Amino acid sequence: MARVRLSVAERQEELLRAAIGQIEARGVAAVRIADVAAALGVSNALVLYHFSTKEKLVAAAFAYAAEDDLAHLRKLLGRRTSALRRLRAAVRWYAPTGQAKGWRLWIEGWAVALREPALREVTRDLDKRWKAAIADVIAEGVAAGEFACADPAGAALRLTALLDGLAVQLTSYPGAVPRTRAQEWADDALARELGLEREALTQR
């Protein structure tokens, strides 16, 4: 059966999604151009036509995954509701107990980024944009009188650092931290940064 002809943008998106799937399954070090091609039933040459090296394909795949996550974050933080509700939704989605990005993918990315400048730029940019988005909504909530926080940027850094660390524990060492406990810690941290009791997270 003949394959449907795709536009360049559609073909590249298909390849990037396949690359993400293969990275999640095999790890960055083990994945090959041939694995991505085989997953789609296309030739190695087609993959290399769009992404001339494995390194470029991997960096583009992580950039694609990052934009996908940031789009969802913008959707959560752009809702017409209180800043507190938006923050709680974003933190619970981002947390390793929620439905955010495949944490195995990002832990792989962080490791490889230590040696790959292109991937390091992708992960650094994602990190900055996440923190900035969270800090902006915290500042909105402070301005609206919903809660108190003297340092929104610092609060965003501490929150995301905690969630990233919990993600490593839950992903790398299954059973090390019960998911319900991790969620409690995330809620505790959010409430603490906003000067609230934890119960207030569900009452407003």
N, C-alpha and C. Protein backbone atom coordinates (compact mmCIF):
# COMPACT_ATOMS: atom_id res chain seq x y z
N MET A 1 0.84 -1.19 0.00
CA MET A 1 0.00 0.00 0.00
C MET A 1 0.88 1.25 0.00
N ALA A 2 0.62 2.16 -0.92
CA ALA A 2 1.44 3.36 -1.05
C ALA A 2 1.26 4.28 0.15
N ARG A 3 2.38 4.90 0.58
CA ARG A 3 2.32 5.85 1.68
C ARG A 3 1.76 7.17 1.18
N VAL A 4 1.02 7.84 2.05
CA VAL A 4 0.48 9.16 1.72
C VAL A 4 1.65 10.14 1.63
N ARG A 5 1.66 10.98 0.60
CA ARG A 5 2.72 11.97 0.46
C ARG A 5 2.50 13.09 1.47
N LEU A 6 3.52 13.36 2.26
CA LEU A 6 3.43 14.38 3.28
C LEU A 6 4.22 15.62 2.88
N SER A 7 3.81 16.76 3.43
CA SER A 7 4.60 17.97 3.24
C SER A 7 5.90 17.83 4.03
N VAL A 8 6.84 18.72 3.76
CA VAL A 8 8.11 18.67 4.49
C VAL A 8 7.87 18.81 5.98
N ALA A 9 7.02 19.76 6.38
CA ALA A 9 6.75 19.98 7.81
C ALA A 9 6.09 18.75 8.43
N GLU A 10 5.14 18.15 7.72
CA GLU A 10 4.46 16.96 8.24
C GLU A 10 5.43 15.78 8.37
N ARG A 11 6.30 15.62 7.36
CA ARG A 11 7.26 14.53 7.41
C ARG A 11 8.23 14.71 8.57
N GLN A 12 8.70 15.95 8.76
CA GLN A 12 9.63 16.19 9.86
C GLN A 12 8.96 15.95 11.20
N GLU A 13 7.71 16.35 11.34
CA GLU A 13 7.00 16.10 12.60
C GLU A 13 6.85 14.61 12.83
N GLU A 14 6.54 13.86 11.80
CA GLU A 14 6.42 12.40 11.92
C GLU A 14 7.75 11.80 12.37
N LEU A 15 8.85 12.26 11.79
CA LEU A 15 10.17 11.75 12.16
C LEU A 15 10.53 12.11 13.59
N LEU A 16 10.18 13.32 14.00
CA LEU A 16 10.50 13.75 15.36
C LEU A 16 9.72 12.95 16.39
N ARG A 17 8.45 12.70 16.11
CA ARG A 17 7.65 11.88 17.04
C ARG A 17 8.21 10.46 17.13
N ALA A 18 8.62 9.92 15.99
CA ALA A 18 9.21 8.58 16.00
C ALA A 18 10.53 8.58 16.76
N ALA A 19 11.31 9.63 16.59
CA ALA A 19 12.58 9.71 17.31
C ALA A 19 12.36 9.77 18.81
N ILE A 20 11.37 10.55 19.25
CA ILE A 20 11.06 10.62 20.68
C ILE A 20 10.68 9.24 21.21
N GLY A 21 9.85 8.54 20.47
CA GLY A 21 9.46 7.20 20.88
C GLY A 21 10.64 6.26 21.00
N GLN A 22 11.55 6.32 20.05
CA GLN A 22 12.72 5.46 20.07
C GLN A 22 13.70 5.84 21.19
N ILE A 23 13.84 7.14 21.45
CA ILE A 23 14.70 7.58 22.55
C ILE A 23 14.15 7.08 23.88
N GLU A 24 12.82 7.20 24.05
CA GLU A 24 12.20 6.73 25.29
C GLU A 24 12.39 5.23 25.45
N ALA A 25 12.33 4.49 24.36
CA ALA A 25 12.43 3.03 24.43
C ALA A 25 13.86 2.53 24.57
N ARG A 26 14.81 3.20 23.90
CA ARG A 26 16.17 2.68 23.81
C ARG A 26 17.22 3.52 24.54
N GLY A 27 16.92 4.80 24.77
CA GLY A 27 17.92 5.71 25.31
C GLY A 27 18.65 6.42 24.19
N VAL A 28 19.15 7.60 24.48
CA VAL A 28 19.81 8.40 23.46
C VAL A 28 21.04 7.70 22.91
N ALA A 29 21.86 7.11 23.77
CA ALA A 29 23.11 6.50 23.33
C ALA A 29 22.86 5.33 22.37
N ALA A 30 21.82 4.56 22.62
CA ALA A 30 21.60 3.35 21.83
C ALA A 30 20.78 3.58 20.55
N VAL A 31 19.99 4.63 20.53
CA VAL A 31 19.10 4.83 19.38
C VAL A 31 19.92 5.14 18.13
N ARG A 32 19.43 4.62 16.99
CA ARG A 32 20.11 4.81 15.72
C ARG A 32 19.15 5.42 14.70
N ILE A 33 19.72 6.01 13.68
CA ILE A 33 18.89 6.50 12.57
C ILE A 33 18.04 5.36 12.03
N ALA A 34 18.63 4.17 11.95
CA ALA A 34 17.92 3.00 11.43
C ALA A 34 16.70 2.65 12.27
N ASP A 35 16.77 2.87 13.58
CA ASP A 35 15.63 2.57 14.45
C ASP A 35 14.46 3.50 14.14
N VAL A 36 14.76 4.77 13.95
CA VAL A 36 13.71 5.74 13.63
C VAL A 36 13.10 5.42 12.27
N ALA A 37 13.95 5.11 11.31
CA ALA A 37 13.46 4.77 9.97
C ALA A 37 12.58 3.52 10.01
N ALA A 38 13.04 2.50 10.73
CA ALA A 38 12.27 1.25 10.81
C ALA A 38 10.93 1.45 11.48
N ALA A 39 10.87 2.32 12.47
CA ALA A 39 9.61 2.56 13.18
C ALA A 39 8.54 3.12 12.25
N LEU A 40 8.98 3.81 11.20
CA LEU A 40 8.02 4.41 10.26
C LEU A 40 7.96 3.67 8.93
N GLY A 41 8.83 2.69 8.75
CA GLY A 41 8.86 1.97 7.49
C GLY A 41 9.40 2.81 6.35
N VAL A 42 10.38 3.66 6.66
CA VAL A 42 10.99 4.49 5.62
C VAL A 42 12.49 4.17 5.57
N SER A 43 13.19 4.77 4.63
CA SER A 43 14.62 4.51 4.48
C SER A 43 15.45 5.38 5.40
N ASN A 44 16.66 4.90 5.71
CA ASN A 44 17.61 5.73 6.46
C ASN A 44 17.89 7.03 5.72
N ALA A 45 17.94 6.94 4.40
CA ALA A 45 18.26 8.11 3.59
C ALA A 45 17.21 9.21 3.77
N LEU A 46 15.95 8.82 3.94
CA LEU A 46 14.90 9.83 4.12
C LEU A 46 15.11 10.57 5.43
N VAL A 47 15.44 9.83 6.49
CA VAL A 47 15.69 10.48 7.78
C VAL A 47 16.87 11.43 7.66
N LEU A 48 17.93 10.98 7.00
CA LEU A 48 19.14 11.80 6.86
C LEU A 48 18.92 12.99 5.93
N TYR A 49 17.96 12.87 5.03
CA TYR A 49 17.64 14.01 4.15
C TYR A 49 17.10 15.17 4.98
N HIS A 50 16.28 14.85 5.98
CA HIS A 50 15.67 15.89 6.81
C HIS A 50 16.56 16.30 7.98
N PHE A 51 17.31 15.34 8.52
CA PHE A 51 18.19 15.60 9.67
C PHE A 51 19.52 14.92 9.35
N SER A 52 20.51 15.69 8.99
CA SER A 52 21.74 15.15 8.39
C SER A 52 22.57 14.27 9.32
N THR A 53 22.37 14.39 10.64
CA THR A 53 23.11 13.54 11.57
C THR A 53 22.18 13.10 12.70
N LYS A 54 22.60 12.07 13.40
CA LYS A 54 21.83 11.62 14.56
C LYS A 54 21.75 12.73 15.60
N GLU A 55 22.86 13.45 15.80
CA GLU A 55 22.89 14.51 16.80
C GLU A 55 21.86 15.59 16.51
N LYS A 56 21.74 15.95 15.24
CA LYS A 56 20.76 16.98 14.86
C LYS A 56 19.33 16.46 15.03
N LEU A 57 19.13 15.20 14.72
CA LEU A 57 17.80 14.60 14.91
C LEU A 57 17.43 14.58 16.38
N VAL A 58 18.37 14.17 17.23
CA VAL A 58 18.10 14.09 18.66
C VAL A 58 17.80 15.48 19.23
N ALA A 59 18.62 16.48 18.89
CA ALA A 59 18.39 17.83 19.39
C ALA A 59 17.03 18.36 18.93
N ALA A 60 16.69 18.10 17.68
CA ALA A 60 15.40 18.56 17.15
C ALA A 60 14.24 17.84 17.83
N ALA A 61 14.43 16.56 18.14
CA ALA A 61 13.37 15.80 18.81
C ALA A 61 13.11 16.35 20.21
N PHE A 62 14.17 16.66 20.94
CA PHE A 62 13.99 17.24 22.27
C PHE A 62 13.37 18.63 22.18
N ALA A 63 13.76 19.42 21.19
CA ALA A 63 13.16 20.74 21.02
C ALA A 63 11.67 20.62 20.72
N TYR A 64 11.31 19.62 19.93
CA TYR A 64 9.90 19.38 19.61
C TYR A 64 9.13 18.99 20.87
N ALA A 65 9.70 18.10 21.66
CA ALA A 65 9.05 17.67 22.91
C ALA A 65 8.92 18.85 23.86
N ALA A 66 9.94 19.71 23.91
CA ALA A 66 9.90 20.87 24.79
C ALA A 66 8.77 21.82 24.40
N GLU A 67 8.64 22.07 23.11
CA GLU A 67 7.58 22.98 22.65
C GLU A 67 6.20 22.40 22.94
N ASP A 68 6.08 21.09 22.83
CA ASP A 68 4.81 20.43 23.13
C ASP A 68 4.44 20.63 24.59
N ASP A 69 5.42 20.46 25.48
CA ASP A 69 5.18 20.64 26.91
C ASP A 69 4.87 22.10 27.23
N LEU A 70 5.61 23.02 26.62
CA LEU A 70 5.39 24.44 26.88
C LEU A 70 4.03 24.89 26.39
N ALA A 71 3.57 24.33 25.29
CA ALA A 71 2.24 24.67 24.78
C ALA A 71 1.17 24.25 25.79
N HIS A 72 1.36 23.06 26.38
CA HIS A 72 0.39 22.61 27.38
C HIS A 72 0.47 23.47 28.64
N LEU A 73 1.68 23.85 29.03
CA LEU A 73 1.83 24.72 30.19
C LEU A 73 1.11 26.05 29.96
N ARG A 74 1.29 26.64 28.77
CA ARG A 74 0.62 27.91 28.46
C ARG A 74 -0.90 27.75 28.54
N LYS A 75 -1.38 26.59 28.10
CA LYS A 75 -2.82 26.33 28.15
C LYS A 75 -3.30 26.29 29.60
N LEU A 76 -2.56 25.61 30.46
CA LEU A 76 -2.94 25.52 31.87
C LEU A 76 -2.89 26.88 32.55
N LEU A 77 -1.83 27.64 32.28
CA LEU A 77 -1.65 28.93 32.96
C LEU A 77 -2.48 30.03 32.34
N GLY A 78 -3.04 29.78 31.17
CA GLY A 78 -3.85 30.80 30.50
C GLY A 78 -5.34 30.69 30.80
N ARG A 79 -5.74 29.74 31.63
CA ARG A 79 -7.16 29.57 31.94
C ARG A 79 -7.70 30.79 32.69
N ARG A 80 -8.98 31.01 32.53
CA ARG A 80 -9.63 32.14 33.21
C ARG A 80 -10.10 31.71 34.59
N THR A 81 -9.14 31.61 35.48
CA THR A 81 -9.45 31.26 36.86
C THR A 81 -8.37 31.89 37.73
N SER A 82 -8.40 31.62 39.01
CA SER A 82 -7.45 32.25 39.91
C SER A 82 -6.02 31.81 39.62
N ALA A 83 -5.06 32.63 40.01
CA ALA A 83 -3.65 32.27 39.86
C ALA A 83 -3.34 31.01 40.66
N LEU A 84 -3.94 30.87 41.83
CA LEU A 84 -3.69 29.69 42.66
C LEU A 84 -4.15 28.42 41.96
N ARG A 85 -5.33 28.44 41.37
CA ARG A 85 -5.82 27.25 40.67
C ARG A 85 -4.93 26.90 39.47
N ARG A 86 -4.48 27.93 38.77
CA ARG A 86 -3.61 27.69 37.62
C ARG A 86 -2.27 27.12 38.05
N LEU A 87 -1.72 27.65 39.13
CA LEU A 87 -0.45 27.14 39.65
C LEU A 87 -0.57 25.70 40.11
N ARG A 88 -1.65 25.42 40.83
CA ARG A 88 -1.84 24.06 41.33
C ARG A 88 -1.96 23.08 40.16
N ALA A 89 -2.70 23.47 39.12
CA ALA A 89 -2.86 22.59 37.96
C ALA A 89 -1.52 22.37 37.27
N ALA A 90 -0.71 23.43 37.14
CA ALA A 90 0.58 23.31 36.46
C ALA A 90 1.54 22.44 37.26
N VAL A 91 1.60 22.65 38.58
CA VAL A 91 2.51 21.87 39.41
C VAL A 91 2.10 20.40 39.42
N ARG A 92 0.82 20.12 39.49
CA ARG A 92 0.37 18.72 39.52
C ARG A 92 0.60 18.04 38.18
N TRP A 93 0.50 18.81 37.09
CA TRP A 93 0.78 18.22 35.77
C TRP A 93 2.27 17.97 35.60
N TYR A 94 3.09 18.91 36.04
CA TYR A 94 4.55 18.81 35.90
C TYR A 94 5.13 17.74 36.81
N ALA A 95 4.54 17.56 37.97
CA ALA A 95 5.08 16.62 38.95
C ALA A 95 5.15 15.21 38.38
N PRO A 96 6.11 14.40 38.85
CA PRO A 96 6.25 13.04 38.34
C PRO A 96 5.07 12.13 38.64
N THR A 97 4.12 12.62 39.45
CA THR A 97 2.92 11.84 39.72
C THR A 97 1.81 12.20 38.74
N GLY A 98 2.04 13.20 37.90
CA GLY A 98 1.01 13.66 36.97
C GLY A 98 1.22 13.13 35.57
N GLN A 99 0.73 13.89 34.57
CA GLN A 99 0.78 13.42 33.19
C GLN A 99 1.71 14.26 32.33
N ALA A 100 2.68 14.91 32.94
CA ALA A 100 3.60 15.75 32.17
C ALA A 100 4.52 14.89 31.32
N LYS A 101 5.48 15.54 30.71
CA LYS A 101 6.43 14.90 29.82
C LYS A 101 6.92 13.56 30.34
N GLY A 102 7.28 12.65 29.43
CA GLY A 102 7.86 11.39 29.85
C GLY A 102 9.18 11.68 30.55
N TRP A 103 9.22 11.46 31.85
CA TRP A 103 10.40 11.83 32.61
C TRP A 103 11.64 11.07 32.20
N ARG A 104 11.46 9.86 31.73
CA ARG A 104 12.62 9.09 31.27
C ARG A 104 13.30 9.82 30.11
N LEU A 105 12.48 10.38 29.22
CA LEU A 105 13.02 11.14 28.08
C LEU A 105 13.87 12.30 28.56
N TRP A 106 13.36 13.07 29.54
CA TRP A 106 14.08 14.26 29.97
C TRP A 106 15.30 13.95 30.82
N ILE A 107 15.24 12.87 31.58
CA ILE A 107 16.43 12.47 32.33
C ILE A 107 17.54 12.05 31.36
N GLU A 108 17.16 11.34 30.30
CA GLU A 108 18.11 11.02 29.23
C GLU A 108 18.68 12.31 28.64
N GLY A 109 17.80 13.27 28.39
CA GLY A 109 18.24 14.53 27.78
C GLY A 109 19.22 15.28 28.64
N TRP A 110 18.94 15.36 29.94
CA TRP A 110 19.85 16.05 30.86
C TRP A 110 21.23 15.40 30.84
N ALA A 111 21.26 14.07 30.84
CA ALA A 111 22.54 13.37 30.87
C ALA A 111 23.36 13.65 29.61
N VAL A 112 22.71 13.55 28.45
CA VAL A 112 23.43 13.76 27.19
C VAL A 112 23.81 15.23 27.03
N ALA A 113 23.00 16.13 27.56
CA ALA A 113 23.27 17.57 27.43
C ALA A 113 24.59 17.98 28.08
N LEU A 114 25.10 17.17 29.00
CA LEU A 114 26.39 17.48 29.63
C LEU A 114 27.51 17.49 28.60
N ARG A 115 27.32 16.76 27.50
CA ARG A 115 28.38 16.64 26.49
C ARG A 115 27.97 17.16 25.12
N GLU A 116 26.68 17.45 24.92
CA GLU A 116 26.19 17.89 23.62
C GLU A 116 25.69 19.33 23.71
N PRO A 117 26.45 20.30 23.21
CA PRO A 117 26.06 21.72 23.31
C PRO A 117 24.68 22.02 22.73
N ALA A 118 24.33 21.41 21.59
CA ALA A 118 23.03 21.70 20.97
C ALA A 118 21.88 21.27 21.87
N LEU A 119 22.01 20.10 22.47
CA LEU A 119 20.97 19.60 23.36
C LEU A 119 20.96 20.40 24.67
N ARG A 120 22.12 20.82 25.12
CA ARG A 120 22.20 21.64 26.32
C ARG A 120 21.42 22.94 26.15
N GLU A 121 21.50 23.53 24.96
CA GLU A 121 20.74 24.76 24.69
C GLU A 121 19.24 24.49 24.76
N VAL A 122 18.81 23.35 24.24
CA VAL A 122 17.38 23.00 24.26
C VAL A 122 16.89 22.84 25.69
N THR A 123 17.63 22.08 26.50
CA THR A 123 17.18 21.83 27.87
C THR A 123 17.27 23.10 28.72
N ARG A 124 18.29 23.92 28.47
CA ARG A 124 18.42 25.17 29.22
C ARG A 124 17.27 26.12 28.88
N ASP A 125 16.92 26.20 27.60
CA ASP A 125 15.84 27.08 27.18
C ASP A 125 14.51 26.63 27.77
N LEU A 126 14.26 25.31 27.76
CA LEU A 126 13.03 24.79 28.35
C LEU A 126 12.97 25.14 29.83
N ASP A 127 14.07 24.95 30.53
CA ASP A 127 14.13 25.23 31.96
C ASP A 127 13.83 26.70 32.24
N LYS A 128 14.44 27.59 31.49
CA LYS A 128 14.22 29.03 31.69
C LYS A 128 12.77 29.41 31.44
N ARG A 129 12.20 28.88 30.38
CA ARG A 129 10.82 29.25 30.02
C ARG A 129 9.80 28.70 31.02
N TRP A 130 10.05 27.48 31.54
CA TRP A 130 9.18 26.93 32.57
C TRP A 130 9.21 27.82 33.81
N LYS A 131 10.40 28.14 34.26
CA LYS A 131 10.53 28.94 35.48
C LYS A 131 9.91 30.33 35.29
N ALA A 132 10.13 30.93 34.12
CA ALA A 132 9.58 32.25 33.86
C ALA A 132 8.06 32.22 33.86
N ALA A 133 7.47 31.19 33.27
CA ALA A 133 6.01 31.09 33.22
C ALA A 133 5.42 30.93 34.61
N ILE A 134 6.04 30.08 35.43
CA ILE A 134 5.56 29.88 36.80
C ILE A 134 5.73 31.15 37.61
N ALA A 135 6.88 31.81 37.47
CA ALA A 135 7.14 33.05 38.22
C ALA A 135 6.13 34.13 37.85
N ASP A 136 5.78 34.22 36.57
CA ASP A 136 4.82 35.25 36.13
C ASP A 136 3.45 35.05 36.80
N VAL A 137 2.99 33.80 36.89
CA VAL A 137 1.68 33.56 37.49
C VAL A 137 1.74 33.77 39.00
N ILE A 138 2.85 33.43 39.62
CA ILE A 138 2.99 33.73 41.06
C ILE A 138 2.89 35.23 41.27
N ALA A 139 3.58 36.01 40.43
CA ALA A 139 3.53 37.47 40.54
C ALA A 139 2.11 37.99 40.33
N GLU A 140 1.36 37.38 39.40
CA GLU A 140 -0.04 37.77 39.18
C GLU A 140 -0.86 37.55 40.45
N GLY A 141 -0.65 36.39 41.07
CA GLY A 141 -1.40 36.07 42.28
C GLY A 141 -1.07 37.01 43.43
N VAL A 142 0.20 37.39 43.53
CA VAL A 142 0.59 38.35 44.56
C VAL A 142 -0.08 39.69 44.31
N ALA A 143 -0.05 40.15 43.05
CA ALA A 143 -0.66 41.43 42.70
C ALA A 143 -2.16 41.44 42.95
N ALA A 144 -2.80 40.27 42.79
CA ALA A 144 -4.24 40.16 42.99
C ALA A 144 -4.61 39.95 44.45
N GLY A 145 -3.60 39.81 45.32
CA GLY A 145 -3.86 39.60 46.74
C GLY A 145 -4.28 38.20 47.11
N GLU A 146 -4.02 37.23 46.23
CA GLU A 146 -4.42 35.85 46.51
C GLU A 146 -3.50 35.19 47.54
N PHE A 147 -2.23 35.56 47.51
CA PHE A 147 -1.25 34.98 48.42
C PHE A 147 -0.04 35.91 48.47
N ALA A 148 0.94 35.56 49.29
CA ALA A 148 2.13 36.40 49.45
C ALA A 148 3.37 35.63 49.04
N CYS A 149 4.23 36.29 48.27
CA CYS A 149 5.50 35.69 47.88
C CYS A 149 6.43 36.84 47.51
N ALA A 150 7.50 36.98 48.28
CA ALA A 150 8.41 38.11 48.06
C ALA A 150 9.33 37.90 46.87
N ASP A 151 9.50 36.66 46.44
CA ASP A 151 10.47 36.35 45.38
C ASP A 151 9.89 35.32 44.42
N PRO A 152 9.02 35.73 43.49
CA PRO A 152 8.41 34.77 42.56
C PRO A 152 9.42 33.95 41.75
N ALA A 153 10.50 34.59 41.30
CA ALA A 153 11.50 33.86 40.51
C ALA A 153 12.18 32.80 41.37
N GLY A 154 12.53 33.13 42.60
CA GLY A 154 13.14 32.16 43.51
C GLY A 154 12.19 31.03 43.83
N ALA A 155 10.92 31.37 44.03
CA ALA A 155 9.92 30.33 44.32
C ALA A 155 9.79 29.37 43.15
N ALA A 156 9.76 29.90 41.93
CA ALA A 156 9.65 29.05 40.75
C ALA A 156 10.86 28.12 40.63
N LEU A 157 12.04 28.64 40.91
CA LEU A 157 13.25 27.82 40.85
C LEU A 157 13.19 26.70 41.89
N ARG A 158 12.81 27.04 43.11
CA ARG A 158 12.76 26.01 44.16
C ARG A 158 11.71 24.95 43.85
N LEU A 159 10.56 25.36 43.37
CA LEU A 159 9.49 24.40 43.05
C LEU A 159 9.93 23.44 41.95
N THR A 160 10.45 23.99 40.86
CA THR A 160 10.84 23.11 39.75
C THR A 160 12.03 22.23 40.11
N ALA A 161 12.94 22.75 40.95
CA ALA A 161 14.07 21.92 41.38
C ALA A 161 13.59 20.73 42.20
N LEU A 162 12.61 20.97 43.08
CA LEU A 162 12.05 19.87 43.87
C LEU A 162 11.39 18.84 42.96
N LEU A 163 10.59 19.31 42.01
CA LEU A 163 9.86 18.39 41.13
C LEU A 163 10.82 17.61 40.24
N ASP A 164 11.86 18.28 39.74
CA ASP A 164 12.85 17.57 38.93
C ASP A 164 13.54 16.48 39.76
N GLY A 165 13.89 16.81 40.99
CA GLY A 165 14.55 15.83 41.85
C GLY A 165 13.65 14.65 42.17
N LEU A 166 12.39 14.92 42.45
CA LEU A 166 11.45 13.83 42.70
C LEU A 166 11.28 12.96 41.46
N ALA A 167 11.30 13.60 40.30
CA ALA A 167 11.16 12.84 39.05
C ALA A 167 12.31 11.85 38.89
N VAL A 168 13.52 12.28 39.21
CA VAL A 168 14.67 11.38 39.12
C VAL A 168 14.50 10.21 40.08
N GLN A 169 14.06 10.48 41.30
CA GLN A 169 13.87 9.42 42.29
C GLN A 169 12.81 8.42 41.82
N LEU A 170 11.66 8.92 41.38
CA LEU A 170 10.57 8.02 41.00
C LEU A 170 10.86 7.26 39.71
N THR A 171 11.59 7.90 38.79
CA THR A 171 11.87 7.26 37.51
C THR A 171 13.05 6.30 37.59
N SER A 172 14.09 6.72 38.28
CA SER A 172 15.31 5.91 38.33
C SER A 172 15.27 4.83 39.40
N TYR A 173 14.53 5.09 40.48
CA TYR A 173 14.48 4.16 41.61
C TYR A 173 13.03 3.88 41.99
N PRO A 174 12.34 3.08 41.18
CA PRO A 174 10.93 2.78 41.47
C PRO A 174 10.74 2.27 42.89
N GLY A 175 9.76 2.85 43.58
CA GLY A 175 9.47 2.44 44.94
C GLY A 175 10.23 3.22 45.99
N ALA A 176 11.21 4.03 45.58
CA ALA A 176 11.99 4.79 46.55
C ALA A 176 11.12 5.81 47.28
N VAL A 177 10.18 6.40 46.56
CA VAL A 177 9.26 7.38 47.14
C VAL A 177 7.85 7.04 46.65
N PRO A 178 6.91 6.77 47.54
CA PRO A 178 5.54 6.52 47.09
C PRO A 178 5.00 7.74 46.35
N ARG A 179 4.24 7.52 45.30
CA ARG A 179 3.72 8.63 44.49
C ARG A 179 2.82 9.55 45.32
N THR A 180 2.05 8.98 46.21
CA THR A 180 1.19 9.83 47.04
C THR A 180 2.03 10.74 47.94
N ARG A 181 3.16 10.23 48.44
CA ARG A 181 4.04 11.03 49.27
C ARG A 181 4.67 12.16 48.43
N ALA A 182 5.07 11.83 47.23
CA ALA A 182 5.66 12.85 46.36
C ALA A 182 4.65 13.96 46.07
N GLN A 183 3.39 13.58 45.87
CA GLN A 183 2.36 14.59 45.64
C GLN A 183 2.16 15.47 46.87
N GLU A 184 2.19 14.87 48.03
CA GLU A 184 2.07 15.64 49.27
C GLU A 184 3.21 16.64 49.40
N TRP A 185 4.42 16.20 49.07
CA TRP A 185 5.58 17.09 49.17
C TRP A 185 5.46 18.25 48.17
N ALA A 186 4.97 17.94 46.98
CA ALA A 186 4.79 19.00 45.97
C ALA A 186 3.77 20.02 46.45
N ASP A 187 2.66 19.54 47.01
CA ASP A 187 1.63 20.44 47.54
C ASP A 187 2.17 21.25 48.72
N ASP A 188 2.91 20.59 49.59
CA ASP A 188 3.50 21.29 50.74
C ASP A 188 4.41 22.42 50.26
N ALA A 189 5.24 22.12 49.26
CA ALA A 189 6.18 23.11 48.75
C ALA A 189 5.46 24.29 48.12
N LEU A 190 4.42 24.01 47.34
CA LEU A 190 3.67 25.10 46.71
C LEU A 190 3.01 25.98 47.76
N ALA A 191 2.37 25.35 48.73
CA ALA A 191 1.72 26.12 49.79
C ALA A 191 2.73 26.96 50.56
N ARG A 192 3.86 26.38 50.87
CA ARG A 192 4.90 27.10 51.62
C ARG A 192 5.40 28.32 50.84
N GLU A 193 5.64 28.15 49.55
CA GLU A 193 6.14 29.26 48.75
C GLU A 193 5.12 30.39 48.64
N LEU A 194 3.83 30.06 48.78
CA LEU A 194 2.77 31.07 48.64
C LEU A 194 2.27 31.57 49.99
N GLY A 195 2.87 31.08 51.08
CA GLY A 195 2.46 31.53 52.41
C GLY A 195 1.08 31.05 52.80
N LEU A 196 0.71 29.85 52.33
CA LEU A 196 -0.62 29.30 52.59
C LEU A 196 -0.52 27.98 53.36
N GLU A 197 -1.63 27.59 53.98
CA GLU A 197 -1.74 26.23 54.52
C GLU A 197 -2.04 25.29 53.35
N ARG A 198 -1.59 24.03 53.45
CA ARG A 198 -1.79 23.12 52.33
C ARG A 198 -3.27 22.94 51.99
N GLU A 199 -4.12 22.97 53.02
CA GLU A 199 -5.55 22.80 52.80
C GLU A 199 -6.11 23.90 51.88
N ALA A 200 -5.48 25.06 51.89
CA ALA A 200 -5.98 26.18 51.08
C ALA A 200 -5.84 25.90 49.59
N LEU A 201 -4.97 24.97 49.20
CA LEU A 201 -4.79 24.67 47.78
C LEU A 201 -6.04 24.11 47.14
N THR A 202 -6.87 23.45 47.95
CA THR A 202 -8.09 22.85 47.40
C THR A 202 -9.35 23.60 47.80
N GLN A 203 -9.19 24.65 48.57
CA GLN A 203 -10.35 25.40 49.06
C GLN A 203 -10.59 26.70 48.31
N ARG A 204 -9.67 27.07 47.41
CA ARG A 204 -9.81 28.33 46.70
C ARG A 204 -10.00 28.13 45.23
